[in-house]
Amino acid sequence: MKILMVLTSHDKLGDTGHKTGFWLEEFAAPYYTFLDAGAQLTVASVAGGQPPLDPKSDDPEAQTEFTQRFKDDLQAQQVLANTVALADVDGSEFDAVFYPGGHGPLWDLSENADSIKLIEQTLADHRPVAAVCHAPGVLRHVKNSDGTALVKGKKVTGFSNSEEDAVGLTDIVPFLVEDELKANGGNYSKGDDWSSYVLTDGLLVTGQNPSSSVECANALLKLL
């Protein structure tokens, strides 16, 4: 069982002067969920090398057993520091693809041709794709074989407008995940803010927020 995890390389939070990147819990929790299930993991990012960590995901209140495990795991830190460039990845080598969130993917992965192609080919080959929190935003330009939007008519979730408003970034992000999924015809729904909420529709798994990362990873494993 080989799983590819794809991370952002974008580190600028719009024009705020603040940093962004991937969200630590949304990487660490699925990483260990997959590892403990016996999966072989490859971690890629848009630019390769060390992907940027959203500094807010390193705050004390954002820590979990998984983030602590990561901070004690030198091998995992080396894996993260040496991610493969997404352009060099052969998606056919993997049984599934998982996208952790953070605000970074809204800027780079959502527009990245290699990412779009990876998702389209993975699903066309009947292999599952999962994305959590802001990462469902990477689906915005992904198409079905007939040219329609991938999410059209599908049950999907992702970081909600109310959650974005709560973190004060509604006017900073390039688009709102909830709005974009709806605009592309997705059957968007959500749970309570900050609670775990995950949907599976066929081979597509989406999770709403950081609290959804473990459930999202387990839903992907269930498909495998």
N, C-alpha and C. Protein backbone atom coordinates (compact mmCIF):
# COMPACT_ATOMS: atom_id res chain seq x y z
N MET A 1 0.86 -1.20 0.00
CA MET A 1 0.00 0.00 0.00
C MET A 1 0.89 1.25 0.00
N LYS A 2 0.89 1.95 -1.11
CA LYS A 2 1.72 3.14 -1.26
C LYS A 2 0.84 4.38 -1.33
N ILE A 3 1.11 5.33 -0.46
CA ILE A 3 0.32 6.56 -0.40
C ILE A 3 1.23 7.77 -0.62
N LEU A 4 0.79 8.66 -1.49
CA LEU A 4 1.48 9.91 -1.75
C LEU A 4 0.81 11.03 -0.97
N MET A 5 1.59 11.79 -0.22
CA MET A 5 1.08 12.98 0.46
C MET A 5 1.64 14.21 -0.24
N VAL A 6 0.78 15.17 -0.56
CA VAL A 6 1.19 16.34 -1.34
C VAL A 6 0.99 17.61 -0.52
N LEU A 7 2.08 18.37 -0.39
CA LEU A 7 2.08 19.58 0.44
C LEU A 7 2.32 20.84 -0.40
N THR A 8 1.87 21.95 0.15
CA THR A 8 2.09 23.26 -0.45
C THR A 8 3.56 23.70 -0.32
N SER A 9 3.98 24.61 -1.20
CA SER A 9 5.28 25.28 -1.04
C SER A 9 5.10 26.78 -0.88
N HIS A 10 3.85 27.22 -0.72
CA HIS A 10 3.55 28.66 -0.65
C HIS A 10 3.60 29.14 0.80
N ASP A 11 4.33 30.23 1.05
CA ASP A 11 4.53 30.67 2.44
C ASP A 11 4.06 32.09 2.75
N LYS A 12 3.43 32.77 1.80
CA LYS A 12 3.01 34.16 2.03
C LYS A 12 1.49 34.23 2.19
N LEU A 13 1.04 34.84 3.27
CA LEU A 13 -0.39 34.97 3.55
C LEU A 13 -0.91 36.25 2.87
N GLY A 14 -1.10 36.16 1.57
CA GLY A 14 -1.55 37.31 0.80
C GLY A 14 -0.58 38.47 0.94
N ASP A 15 -1.12 39.66 1.16
CA ASP A 15 -0.28 40.87 1.30
C ASP A 15 -0.14 41.29 2.76
N THR A 16 -0.39 40.36 3.67
CA THR A 16 -0.40 40.72 5.10
C THR A 16 1.01 40.85 5.68
N GLY A 17 1.99 40.29 5.00
CA GLY A 17 3.34 40.25 5.56
C GLY A 17 3.54 39.09 6.51
N HIS A 18 2.49 38.30 6.74
CA HIS A 18 2.57 37.13 7.61
C HIS A 18 2.86 35.88 6.78
N LYS A 19 3.31 34.85 7.47
CA LYS A 19 3.64 33.58 6.82
C LYS A 19 2.46 32.62 6.87
N THR A 20 2.44 31.71 5.91
CA THR A 20 1.50 30.61 5.93
C THR A 20 2.21 29.37 5.42
N GLY A 21 1.47 28.33 5.08
CA GLY A 21 2.09 27.09 4.61
C GLY A 21 1.13 25.94 4.84
N PHE A 22 1.66 24.78 5.24
CA PHE A 22 0.79 23.64 5.57
C PHE A 22 0.51 23.64 7.07
N TRP A 23 -0.58 22.96 7.45
CA TRP A 23 -0.98 22.90 8.86
C TRP A 23 -0.42 21.61 9.46
N LEU A 24 0.33 21.74 10.54
CA LEU A 24 1.09 20.62 11.08
C LEU A 24 0.22 19.41 11.44
N GLU A 25 -0.88 19.62 12.13
CA GLU A 25 -1.76 18.51 12.53
C GLU A 25 -2.28 17.76 11.31
N GLU A 26 -2.58 18.50 10.25
CA GLU A 26 -3.17 17.88 9.05
C GLU A 26 -2.15 17.07 8.25
N PHE A 27 -0.88 17.29 8.54
CA PHE A 27 0.16 16.43 7.99
C PHE A 27 0.47 15.29 8.96
N ALA A 28 0.72 15.64 10.22
CA ALA A 28 1.22 14.66 11.18
C ALA A 28 0.20 13.56 11.47
N ALA A 29 -1.05 13.92 11.68
CA ALA A 29 -2.06 12.91 12.03
C ALA A 29 -2.26 11.89 10.91
N PRO A 30 -2.47 12.32 9.66
CA PRO A 30 -2.58 11.33 8.58
C PRO A 30 -1.28 10.55 8.36
N TYR A 31 -0.15 11.23 8.49
CA TYR A 31 1.15 10.58 8.30
C TYR A 31 1.28 9.35 9.20
N TYR A 32 0.98 9.53 10.48
CA TYR A 32 1.12 8.41 11.42
C TYR A 32 -0.04 7.43 11.31
N THR A 33 -1.21 7.91 10.95
CA THR A 33 -2.34 6.99 10.72
C THR A 33 -2.00 6.03 9.58
N PHE A 34 -1.44 6.56 8.51
CA PHE A 34 -1.04 5.73 7.37
C PHE A 34 0.13 4.82 7.74
N LEU A 35 1.12 5.39 8.40
CA LEU A 35 2.32 4.63 8.77
C LEU A 35 1.95 3.46 9.68
N ASP A 36 1.11 3.72 10.66
CA ASP A 36 0.71 2.67 11.60
C ASP A 36 -0.14 1.60 10.94
N ALA A 37 -0.74 1.92 9.79
CA ALA A 37 -1.53 0.95 9.05
C ALA A 37 -0.66 0.14 8.09
N GLY A 38 0.64 0.43 8.08
CA GLY A 38 1.57 -0.33 7.25
C GLY A 38 1.83 0.24 5.88
N ALA A 39 1.39 1.47 5.64
CA ALA A 39 1.57 2.08 4.32
C ALA A 39 3.02 2.53 4.11
N GLN A 40 3.43 2.49 2.85
CA GLN A 40 4.69 3.12 2.42
C GLN A 40 4.35 4.54 1.98
N LEU A 41 5.03 5.52 2.56
CA LEU A 41 4.68 6.91 2.30
C LEU A 41 5.75 7.63 1.49
N THR A 42 5.28 8.44 0.55
CA THR A 42 6.14 9.40 -0.15
C THR A 42 5.52 10.77 0.06
N VAL A 43 6.35 11.74 0.43
CA VAL A 43 5.85 13.10 0.65
C VAL A 43 6.42 14.01 -0.44
N ALA A 44 5.53 14.69 -1.13
CA ALA A 44 5.92 15.61 -2.20
C ALA A 44 5.44 17.01 -1.87
N SER A 45 6.04 17.99 -2.52
CA SER A 45 5.55 19.37 -2.43
C SER A 45 5.79 20.03 -3.79
N VAL A 46 5.19 21.17 -3.99
CA VAL A 46 5.28 21.83 -5.29
C VAL A 46 6.73 22.07 -5.69
N ALA A 47 7.53 22.60 -4.78
CA ALA A 47 8.91 22.94 -5.09
C ALA A 47 9.92 21.89 -4.65
N GLY A 48 9.47 20.89 -3.88
CA GLY A 48 10.41 19.93 -3.31
C GLY A 48 11.15 20.52 -2.11
N GLY A 49 11.91 19.68 -1.42
CA GLY A 49 12.63 20.16 -0.24
C GLY A 49 11.71 20.41 0.93
N GLN A 50 12.11 21.33 1.80
CA GLN A 50 11.36 21.63 3.02
C GLN A 50 10.15 22.51 2.72
N PRO A 51 8.95 22.01 2.92
CA PRO A 51 7.78 22.86 2.72
C PRO A 51 7.57 23.80 3.90
N PRO A 52 6.95 24.95 3.69
CA PRO A 52 6.77 25.92 4.77
C PRO A 52 5.65 25.49 5.73
N LEU A 53 5.94 25.62 7.01
CA LEU A 53 4.96 25.31 8.05
C LEU A 53 4.22 26.58 8.43
N ASP A 54 2.89 26.52 8.48
CA ASP A 54 2.13 27.65 8.98
C ASP A 54 2.50 27.84 10.45
N PRO A 55 3.07 28.99 10.82
CA PRO A 55 3.53 29.16 12.20
C PRO A 55 2.42 29.04 13.23
N LYS A 56 1.19 29.37 12.85
CA LYS A 56 0.08 29.26 13.81
C LYS A 56 -0.21 27.80 14.15
N SER A 57 0.13 26.88 13.25
CA SER A 57 -0.10 25.47 13.53
C SER A 57 0.92 24.91 14.51
N ASP A 58 1.91 25.74 14.84
CA ASP A 58 2.92 25.35 15.82
C ASP A 58 2.63 25.96 17.20
N ASP A 59 1.54 26.72 17.30
CA ASP A 59 1.16 27.30 18.59
C ASP A 59 0.78 26.20 19.58
N PRO A 60 0.98 26.42 20.87
CA PRO A 60 0.69 25.40 21.88
C PRO A 60 -0.73 24.85 21.80
N GLU A 61 -1.72 25.72 21.53
CA GLU A 61 -3.11 25.25 21.53
C GLU A 61 -3.45 24.40 20.30
N ALA A 62 -2.56 24.39 19.31
CA ALA A 62 -2.81 23.60 18.09
C ALA A 62 -2.14 22.22 18.14
N GLN A 63 -1.51 21.91 19.27
CA GLN A 63 -0.76 20.65 19.36
C GLN A 63 -1.66 19.47 19.75
N THR A 64 -1.32 18.31 19.21
CA THR A 64 -2.04 17.07 19.51
C THR A 64 -1.00 15.98 19.77
N GLU A 65 -1.48 14.78 20.06
CA GLU A 65 -0.54 13.66 20.25
C GLU A 65 0.27 13.40 18.98
N PHE A 66 -0.32 13.68 17.82
CA PHE A 66 0.37 13.43 16.56
C PHE A 66 1.45 14.47 16.29
N THR A 67 1.16 15.74 16.58
CA THR A 67 2.19 16.77 16.36
C THR A 67 3.35 16.56 17.33
N GLN A 68 3.04 16.13 18.55
CA GLN A 68 4.11 15.86 19.50
C GLN A 68 4.95 14.66 19.05
N ARG A 69 4.28 13.64 18.53
CA ARG A 69 5.00 12.48 18.01
C ARG A 69 5.95 12.89 16.88
N PHE A 70 5.46 13.79 16.03
CA PHE A 70 6.30 14.27 14.93
C PHE A 70 7.53 15.01 15.47
N LYS A 71 7.33 15.82 16.48
CA LYS A 71 8.45 16.61 17.02
C LYS A 71 9.49 15.75 17.71
N ASP A 72 9.11 14.53 18.08
CA ASP A 72 10.04 13.58 18.69
C ASP A 72 10.61 12.59 17.67
N ASP A 73 10.24 12.75 16.41
CA ASP A 73 10.56 11.76 15.38
C ASP A 73 11.53 12.36 14.35
N LEU A 74 12.80 12.14 14.55
CA LEU A 74 13.81 12.71 13.66
C LEU A 74 13.70 12.17 12.24
N GLN A 75 13.30 10.91 12.11
CA GLN A 75 13.16 10.32 10.78
C GLN A 75 12.04 11.01 9.99
N ALA A 76 10.92 11.26 10.64
CA ALA A 76 9.81 11.94 9.97
C ALA A 76 10.20 13.37 9.61
N GLN A 77 10.97 14.02 10.47
CA GLN A 77 11.43 15.38 10.18
C GLN A 77 12.34 15.41 8.96
N GLN A 78 13.13 14.36 8.79
CA GLN A 78 14.01 14.25 7.61
C GLN A 78 13.18 14.03 6.35
N VAL A 79 12.15 13.22 6.46
CA VAL A 79 11.25 13.00 5.32
C VAL A 79 10.64 14.34 4.89
N LEU A 80 10.18 15.11 5.85
CA LEU A 80 9.55 16.39 5.55
C LEU A 80 10.54 17.39 4.96
N ALA A 81 11.77 17.34 5.44
CA ALA A 81 12.78 18.28 4.96
C ALA A 81 13.25 17.98 3.54
N ASN A 82 12.93 16.78 3.06
CA ASN A 82 13.43 16.35 1.75
C ASN A 82 12.30 15.86 0.86
N THR A 83 11.21 16.63 0.80
CA THR A 83 10.09 16.21 -0.04
C THR A 83 10.50 16.19 -1.51
N VAL A 84 9.82 15.33 -2.27
CA VAL A 84 10.05 15.22 -3.70
C VAL A 84 9.31 16.35 -4.41
N ALA A 85 9.90 16.92 -5.46
CA ALA A 85 9.20 17.92 -6.25
C ALA A 85 8.02 17.26 -6.97
N LEU A 86 6.87 17.88 -6.92
CA LEU A 86 5.66 17.29 -7.48
C LEU A 86 5.81 16.97 -8.96
N ALA A 87 6.53 17.80 -9.68
CA ALA A 87 6.72 17.58 -11.12
C ALA A 87 7.48 16.29 -11.41
N ASP A 88 8.23 15.79 -10.41
CA ASP A 88 9.03 14.57 -10.60
C ASP A 88 8.30 13.31 -10.15
N VAL A 89 7.07 13.45 -9.71
CA VAL A 89 6.30 12.32 -9.18
C VAL A 89 5.55 11.60 -10.30
N ASP A 90 5.63 10.27 -10.28
CA ASP A 90 4.82 9.44 -11.17
C ASP A 90 3.63 8.92 -10.37
N GLY A 91 2.48 9.55 -10.58
CA GLY A 91 1.31 9.23 -9.78
C GLY A 91 0.85 7.79 -9.91
N SER A 92 1.21 7.13 -11.01
CA SER A 92 0.77 5.75 -11.23
C SER A 92 1.41 4.77 -10.26
N GLU A 93 2.45 5.22 -9.55
CA GLU A 93 3.15 4.35 -8.61
C GLU A 93 2.43 4.24 -7.26
N PHE A 94 1.37 5.01 -7.08
CA PHE A 94 0.73 5.08 -5.76
C PHE A 94 -0.70 4.57 -5.79
N ASP A 95 -1.12 4.02 -4.65
CA ASP A 95 -2.47 3.48 -4.51
C ASP A 95 -3.48 4.55 -4.11
N ALA A 96 -3.00 5.67 -3.58
CA ALA A 96 -3.88 6.74 -3.13
C ALA A 96 -3.07 8.02 -2.96
N VAL A 97 -3.77 9.15 -2.95
CA VAL A 97 -3.14 10.46 -2.77
C VAL A 97 -3.88 11.20 -1.66
N PHE A 98 -3.11 11.86 -0.78
CA PHE A 98 -3.70 12.62 0.32
C PHE A 98 -3.13 14.04 0.34
N TYR A 99 -4.01 15.02 0.45
CA TYR A 99 -3.61 16.43 0.51
C TYR A 99 -3.90 17.02 1.90
N PRO A 100 -2.87 17.30 2.71
CA PRO A 100 -3.08 18.06 3.94
C PRO A 100 -3.38 19.53 3.59
N GLY A 101 -4.01 20.22 4.52
CA GLY A 101 -4.38 21.60 4.27
C GLY A 101 -3.41 22.63 4.82
N GLY A 102 -3.96 23.68 5.41
CA GLY A 102 -3.22 24.91 5.63
C GLY A 102 -3.65 25.87 4.53
N HIS A 103 -3.42 27.17 4.73
CA HIS A 103 -3.86 28.13 3.72
C HIS A 103 -3.01 28.10 2.45
N GLY A 104 -1.78 27.62 2.54
CA GLY A 104 -0.87 27.61 1.40
C GLY A 104 -1.43 27.03 0.12
N PRO A 105 -2.10 25.86 0.18
CA PRO A 105 -2.61 25.24 -1.06
C PRO A 105 -3.56 26.12 -1.87
N LEU A 106 -4.21 27.08 -1.22
CA LEU A 106 -5.13 27.95 -1.96
C LEU A 106 -4.40 28.77 -3.01
N TRP A 107 -3.13 29.06 -2.75
CA TRP A 107 -2.35 29.86 -3.69
C TRP A 107 -1.63 29.01 -4.73
N ASP A 108 -1.01 27.90 -4.32
CA ASP A 108 -0.20 27.18 -5.31
C ASP A 108 -0.84 25.89 -5.82
N LEU A 109 -1.21 24.96 -4.96
CA LEU A 109 -1.71 23.67 -5.43
C LEU A 109 -3.03 23.78 -6.19
N SER A 110 -3.84 24.75 -5.84
CA SER A 110 -5.13 24.90 -6.53
C SER A 110 -4.94 25.28 -8.00
N GLU A 111 -3.79 25.89 -8.32
CA GLU A 111 -3.53 26.34 -9.69
C GLU A 111 -2.46 25.50 -10.38
N ASN A 112 -1.91 24.52 -9.69
CA ASN A 112 -0.75 23.77 -10.18
C ASN A 112 -1.15 22.68 -11.18
N ALA A 113 -0.61 22.76 -12.38
CA ALA A 113 -0.98 21.81 -13.44
C ALA A 113 -0.60 20.38 -13.08
N ASP A 114 0.52 20.19 -12.41
CA ASP A 114 0.94 18.84 -12.02
C ASP A 114 -0.03 18.23 -11.01
N SER A 115 -0.51 19.06 -10.09
CA SER A 115 -1.47 18.59 -9.09
C SER A 115 -2.80 18.24 -9.74
N ILE A 116 -3.27 19.11 -10.61
CA ILE A 116 -4.54 18.86 -11.31
C ILE A 116 -4.47 17.56 -12.09
N LYS A 117 -3.38 17.37 -12.82
CA LYS A 117 -3.19 16.15 -13.62
C LYS A 117 -3.12 14.92 -12.72
N LEU A 118 -2.42 15.04 -11.59
CA LEU A 118 -2.28 13.93 -10.65
C LEU A 118 -3.65 13.47 -10.15
N ILE A 119 -4.48 14.42 -9.75
CA ILE A 119 -5.81 14.07 -9.22
C ILE A 119 -6.67 13.45 -10.31
N GLU A 120 -6.65 14.06 -11.48
CA GLU A 120 -7.47 13.54 -12.59
C GLU A 120 -7.08 12.12 -12.96
N GLN A 121 -5.77 11.88 -13.06
CA GLN A 121 -5.31 10.55 -13.46
C GLN A 121 -5.53 9.51 -12.38
N THR A 122 -5.33 9.91 -11.12
CA THR A 122 -5.53 8.98 -10.01
C THR A 122 -6.96 8.49 -9.98
N LEU A 123 -7.90 9.41 -10.06
CA LEU A 123 -9.31 9.03 -10.02
C LEU A 123 -9.73 8.27 -11.28
N ALA A 124 -9.18 8.66 -12.44
CA ALA A 124 -9.50 7.95 -13.68
C ALA A 124 -9.03 6.50 -13.63
N ASP A 125 -7.95 6.27 -12.88
CA ASP A 125 -7.41 4.92 -12.73
C ASP A 125 -8.05 4.17 -11.56
N HIS A 126 -9.13 4.74 -11.02
CA HIS A 126 -9.91 4.11 -9.95
C HIS A 126 -9.11 3.95 -8.66
N ARG A 127 -8.34 5.00 -8.36
CA ARG A 127 -7.62 5.06 -7.08
C ARG A 127 -8.08 6.30 -6.33
N PRO A 128 -8.18 6.22 -5.00
CA PRO A 128 -8.81 7.31 -4.24
C PRO A 128 -7.90 8.51 -3.97
N VAL A 129 -8.57 9.64 -3.76
CA VAL A 129 -7.92 10.91 -3.42
C VAL A 129 -8.63 11.49 -2.21
N ALA A 130 -7.86 12.01 -1.25
CA ALA A 130 -8.44 12.65 -0.07
C ALA A 130 -7.80 14.02 0.14
N ALA A 131 -8.59 14.95 0.68
CA ALA A 131 -8.10 16.29 0.97
C ALA A 131 -8.82 16.81 2.21
N VAL A 132 -8.08 17.49 3.08
CA VAL A 132 -8.66 17.94 4.34
C VAL A 132 -8.50 19.45 4.52
N CYS A 133 -9.50 20.07 5.11
CA CYS A 133 -9.51 21.47 5.53
C CYS A 133 -9.49 22.42 4.33
N HIS A 134 -8.40 23.15 4.10
CA HIS A 134 -8.31 24.01 2.92
C HIS A 134 -7.93 23.23 1.67
N ALA A 135 -7.41 22.03 1.83
CA ALA A 135 -6.94 21.27 0.67
C ALA A 135 -8.04 20.91 -0.33
N PRO A 136 -9.32 20.76 0.05
CA PRO A 136 -10.32 20.56 -0.99
C PRO A 136 -10.35 21.69 -2.02
N GLY A 137 -9.75 22.82 -1.69
CA GLY A 137 -9.60 23.90 -2.66
C GLY A 137 -8.75 23.52 -3.87
N VAL A 138 -7.91 22.48 -3.71
CA VAL A 138 -7.08 22.04 -4.85
C VAL A 138 -7.92 21.40 -5.94
N LEU A 139 -9.19 21.14 -5.65
CA LEU A 139 -10.08 20.50 -6.62
C LEU A 139 -10.73 21.50 -7.57
N ARG A 140 -10.50 22.79 -7.39
CA ARG A 140 -11.30 23.82 -8.09
C ARG A 140 -11.20 23.73 -9.61
N HIS A 141 -10.04 23.31 -10.16
CA HIS A 141 -9.89 23.22 -11.61
C HIS A 141 -9.83 21.78 -12.11
N VAL A 142 -10.06 20.83 -11.24
CA VAL A 142 -9.98 19.42 -11.63
C VAL A 142 -11.26 19.02 -12.37
N LYS A 143 -11.07 18.31 -13.49
CA LYS A 143 -12.21 17.95 -14.34
C LYS A 143 -12.40 16.43 -14.42
N ASN A 144 -13.62 16.03 -14.72
CA ASN A 144 -13.91 14.66 -15.11
C ASN A 144 -13.50 14.47 -16.57
N SER A 145 -13.53 13.24 -17.04
CA SER A 145 -13.13 12.95 -18.42
C SER A 145 -14.02 13.65 -19.44
N ASP A 146 -15.26 14.00 -19.04
CA ASP A 146 -16.17 14.68 -19.97
C ASP A 146 -16.06 16.20 -19.91
N GLY A 147 -15.09 16.69 -19.11
CA GLY A 147 -14.85 18.13 -19.04
C GLY A 147 -15.64 18.85 -17.97
N THR A 148 -16.53 18.15 -17.29
CA THR A 148 -17.28 18.78 -16.19
C THR A 148 -16.40 18.86 -14.94
N ALA A 149 -16.77 19.75 -14.03
CA ALA A 149 -16.02 19.89 -12.77
C ALA A 149 -16.09 18.59 -11.98
N LEU A 150 -14.96 18.18 -11.44
CA LEU A 150 -14.89 16.93 -10.68
C LEU A 150 -15.94 16.87 -9.58
N VAL A 151 -16.12 17.99 -8.86
CA VAL A 151 -16.98 17.96 -7.67
C VAL A 151 -18.46 18.10 -8.01
N LYS A 152 -18.80 18.35 -9.28
CA LYS A 152 -20.20 18.56 -9.65
C LYS A 152 -21.05 17.36 -9.24
N GLY A 153 -22.06 17.62 -8.42
CA GLY A 153 -22.97 16.57 -7.97
C GLY A 153 -22.42 15.67 -6.89
N LYS A 154 -21.17 15.92 -6.45
CA LYS A 154 -20.57 15.07 -5.42
C LYS A 154 -20.75 15.68 -4.03
N LYS A 155 -20.86 14.78 -3.05
CA LYS A 155 -20.90 15.22 -1.66
C LYS A 155 -19.48 15.62 -1.25
N VAL A 156 -19.31 16.88 -0.88
CA VAL A 156 -17.99 17.38 -0.51
C VAL A 156 -18.08 18.31 0.69
N THR A 157 -16.95 18.43 1.39
CA THR A 157 -16.84 19.41 2.46
C THR A 157 -15.44 20.02 2.40
N GLY A 158 -15.20 20.96 3.26
CA GLY A 158 -13.92 21.65 3.33
C GLY A 158 -14.07 22.80 4.31
N PHE A 159 -13.01 23.54 4.52
CA PHE A 159 -13.02 24.64 5.49
C PHE A 159 -14.20 25.57 5.19
N SER A 160 -15.03 25.78 6.19
CA SER A 160 -16.28 26.51 5.98
C SER A 160 -16.08 28.02 6.01
N ASN A 161 -17.03 28.74 5.42
CA ASN A 161 -16.97 30.20 5.46
C ASN A 161 -16.97 30.73 6.88
N SER A 162 -17.74 30.08 7.76
CA SER A 162 -17.82 30.55 9.15
C SER A 162 -16.49 30.33 9.88
N GLU A 163 -15.79 29.25 9.54
CA GLU A 163 -14.48 29.00 10.14
C GLU A 163 -13.45 30.00 9.61
N GLU A 164 -13.52 30.29 8.31
CA GLU A 164 -12.60 31.28 7.73
C GLU A 164 -12.82 32.64 8.36
N ASP A 165 -14.10 32.97 8.58
CA ASP A 165 -14.43 34.23 9.21
C ASP A 165 -13.90 34.28 10.64
N ALA A 166 -13.96 33.14 11.32
CA ALA A 166 -13.51 33.08 12.71
C ALA A 166 -12.01 33.33 12.84
N VAL A 167 -11.24 32.95 11.82
CA VAL A 167 -9.79 33.18 11.87
C VAL A 167 -9.41 34.50 11.20
N GLY A 168 -10.41 35.25 10.74
CA GLY A 168 -10.19 36.60 10.24
C GLY A 168 -9.51 36.70 8.89
N LEU A 169 -9.68 35.67 8.05
CA LEU A 169 -8.96 35.68 6.77
C LEU A 169 -9.88 35.66 5.55
N THR A 170 -11.15 35.94 5.76
CA THR A 170 -12.12 35.92 4.66
C THR A 170 -11.69 36.84 3.52
N ASP A 171 -11.17 38.01 3.83
CA ASP A 171 -10.80 38.98 2.80
C ASP A 171 -9.34 38.85 2.37
N ILE A 172 -8.62 37.86 2.90
CA ILE A 172 -7.20 37.69 2.59
C ILE A 172 -6.98 36.56 1.60
N VAL A 173 -7.71 35.47 1.78
CA VAL A 173 -7.51 34.28 0.93
C VAL A 173 -7.96 34.56 -0.51
N PRO A 174 -7.35 33.88 -1.49
CA PRO A 174 -7.72 34.11 -2.89
C PRO A 174 -9.13 33.64 -3.23
N PHE A 175 -9.64 32.68 -2.49
CA PHE A 175 -11.03 32.23 -2.63
C PHE A 175 -11.43 31.48 -1.37
N LEU A 176 -12.72 31.37 -1.15
CA LEU A 176 -13.26 30.64 -0.01
C LEU A 176 -13.57 29.21 -0.45
N VAL A 177 -13.08 28.24 0.29
CA VAL A 177 -13.23 26.84 -0.09
C VAL A 177 -14.70 26.46 -0.24
N GLU A 178 -15.51 26.82 0.74
CA GLU A 178 -16.93 26.49 0.69
C GLU A 178 -17.58 27.07 -0.57
N ASP A 179 -17.33 28.35 -0.83
CA ASP A 179 -17.94 29.01 -2.00
C ASP A 179 -17.48 28.35 -3.30
N GLU A 180 -16.20 28.01 -3.38
CA GLU A 180 -15.65 27.45 -4.62
C GLU A 180 -16.22 26.07 -4.90
N LEU A 181 -16.35 25.25 -3.86
CA LEU A 181 -16.92 23.92 -4.06
C LEU A 181 -18.38 24.02 -4.53
N LYS A 182 -19.11 24.96 -3.95
CA LYS A 182 -20.50 25.16 -4.36
C LYS A 182 -20.58 25.70 -5.79
N ALA A 183 -19.69 26.65 -6.12
CA ALA A 183 -19.70 27.26 -7.46
C ALA A 183 -19.43 26.23 -8.55
N ASN A 184 -18.68 25.18 -8.21
CA ASN A 184 -18.37 24.13 -9.17
C ASN A 184 -19.40 23.00 -9.15
N GLY A 185 -20.50 23.22 -8.45
CA GLY A 185 -21.59 22.25 -8.47
C GLY A 185 -21.51 21.19 -7.40
N GLY A 186 -20.59 21.36 -6.47
CA GLY A 186 -20.45 20.38 -5.40
C GLY A 186 -21.64 20.43 -4.45
N ASN A 187 -22.01 19.28 -3.92
CA ASN A 187 -23.08 19.20 -2.91
C ASN A 187 -22.41 19.39 -1.56
N TYR A 188 -22.11 20.66 -1.24
CA TYR A 188 -21.34 20.98 -0.04
C TYR A 188 -22.19 20.90 1.22
N SER A 189 -21.62 20.29 2.25
CA SER A 189 -22.24 20.33 3.58
C SER A 189 -21.13 20.40 4.62
N LYS A 190 -21.49 20.73 5.83
CA LYS A 190 -20.50 20.89 6.90
C LYS A 190 -21.08 20.46 8.22
N GLY A 191 -20.19 20.16 9.15
CA GLY A 191 -20.59 19.90 10.52
C GLY A 191 -20.43 21.17 11.34
N ASP A 192 -20.48 21.04 12.66
CA ASP A 192 -20.23 22.18 13.53
C ASP A 192 -18.81 22.68 13.33
N ASP A 193 -18.62 23.99 13.44
CA ASP A 193 -17.28 24.57 13.31
C ASP A 193 -16.31 23.86 14.26
N TRP A 194 -15.16 23.50 13.71
CA TRP A 194 -14.02 22.92 14.44
C TRP A 194 -14.26 21.49 14.91
N SER A 195 -15.37 20.88 14.51
CA SER A 195 -15.60 19.47 14.84
C SER A 195 -15.29 18.61 13.62
N SER A 196 -14.98 17.33 13.86
CA SER A 196 -14.65 16.45 12.75
C SER A 196 -15.86 16.19 11.87
N TYR A 197 -15.66 16.37 10.57
CA TYR A 197 -16.72 16.12 9.59
C TYR A 197 -16.06 15.68 8.29
N VAL A 198 -16.37 14.48 7.85
CA VAL A 198 -15.72 13.88 6.67
C VAL A 198 -16.78 13.27 5.77
N LEU A 199 -16.62 13.46 4.47
CA LEU A 199 -17.53 12.87 3.49
C LEU A 199 -16.76 12.02 2.48
N THR A 200 -17.33 10.89 2.12
CA THR A 200 -16.79 10.05 1.06
C THR A 200 -17.83 9.94 -0.03
N ASP A 201 -17.44 10.27 -1.26
CA ASP A 201 -18.33 10.09 -2.41
C ASP A 201 -17.53 9.38 -3.49
N GLY A 202 -17.81 8.11 -3.68
CA GLY A 202 -17.02 7.32 -4.61
C GLY A 202 -15.59 7.21 -4.12
N LEU A 203 -14.65 7.69 -4.92
CA LEU A 203 -13.23 7.61 -4.58
C LEU A 203 -12.69 8.93 -4.02
N LEU A 204 -13.58 9.88 -3.76
CA LEU A 204 -13.16 11.19 -3.26
C LEU A 204 -13.54 11.34 -1.79
N VAL A 205 -12.54 11.67 -0.97
CA VAL A 205 -12.75 11.89 0.46
C VAL A 205 -12.39 13.33 0.79
N THR A 206 -13.26 14.04 1.49
CA THR A 206 -12.96 15.41 1.91
C THR A 206 -13.27 15.58 3.40
N GLY A 207 -12.43 16.36 4.08
CA GLY A 207 -12.61 16.65 5.49
C GLY A 207 -12.68 18.15 5.72
N GLN A 208 -13.40 18.58 6.74
CA GLN A 208 -13.74 19.99 6.90
C GLN A 208 -12.64 20.86 7.50
N ASN A 209 -11.88 20.34 8.46
CA ASN A 209 -11.01 21.21 9.26
C ASN A 209 -9.92 20.36 9.93
N PRO A 210 -9.02 20.98 10.72
CA PRO A 210 -7.95 20.20 11.35
C PRO A 210 -8.45 19.03 12.20
N SER A 211 -9.60 19.19 12.84
CA SER A 211 -10.14 18.12 13.67
C SER A 211 -10.54 16.89 12.86
N SER A 212 -10.65 17.08 11.54
CA SER A 212 -11.11 16.01 10.65
C SER A 212 -9.96 15.18 10.09
N SER A 213 -8.72 15.51 10.44
CA SER A 213 -7.57 14.91 9.74
C SER A 213 -7.46 13.40 9.96
N VAL A 214 -7.68 12.92 11.18
CA VAL A 214 -7.58 11.48 11.44
C VAL A 214 -8.73 10.74 10.76
N GLU A 215 -9.95 11.25 10.91
CA GLU A 215 -11.11 10.60 10.29
C GLU A 215 -10.96 10.57 8.77
N CYS A 216 -10.41 11.64 8.21
CA CYS A 216 -10.21 11.72 6.76
C CYS A 216 -9.20 10.66 6.30
N ALA A 217 -8.12 10.52 7.06
CA ALA A 217 -7.10 9.52 6.74
C ALA A 217 -7.68 8.11 6.84
N ASN A 218 -8.47 7.87 7.86
CA ASN A 218 -9.08 6.54 8.03
C ASN A 218 -10.09 6.23 6.94
N ALA A 219 -10.79 7.26 6.47
CA ALA A 219 -11.74 7.07 5.37
C ALA A 219 -11.01 6.68 4.09
N LEU A 220 -9.83 7.26 3.88
CA LEU A 220 -9.03 6.89 2.71
C LEU A 220 -8.54 5.44 2.84
N LEU A 221 -8.08 5.08 4.03
CA LEU A 221 -7.64 3.70 4.27
C LEU A 221 -8.77 2.71 4.04
N LYS A 222 -9.98 3.10 4.41
CA LYS A 222 -11.14 2.22 4.23
C LYS A 222 -11.37 1.93 2.75
N LEU A 223 -11.16 2.93 1.90
CA LEU A 223 -11.31 2.73 0.46
C LEU A 223 -10.23 1.80 -0.10
N LEU A 224 -9.08 1.79 0.56
CA LEU A 224 -7.98 0.94 0.10
C LEU A 224 -8.15 -0.50 0.59
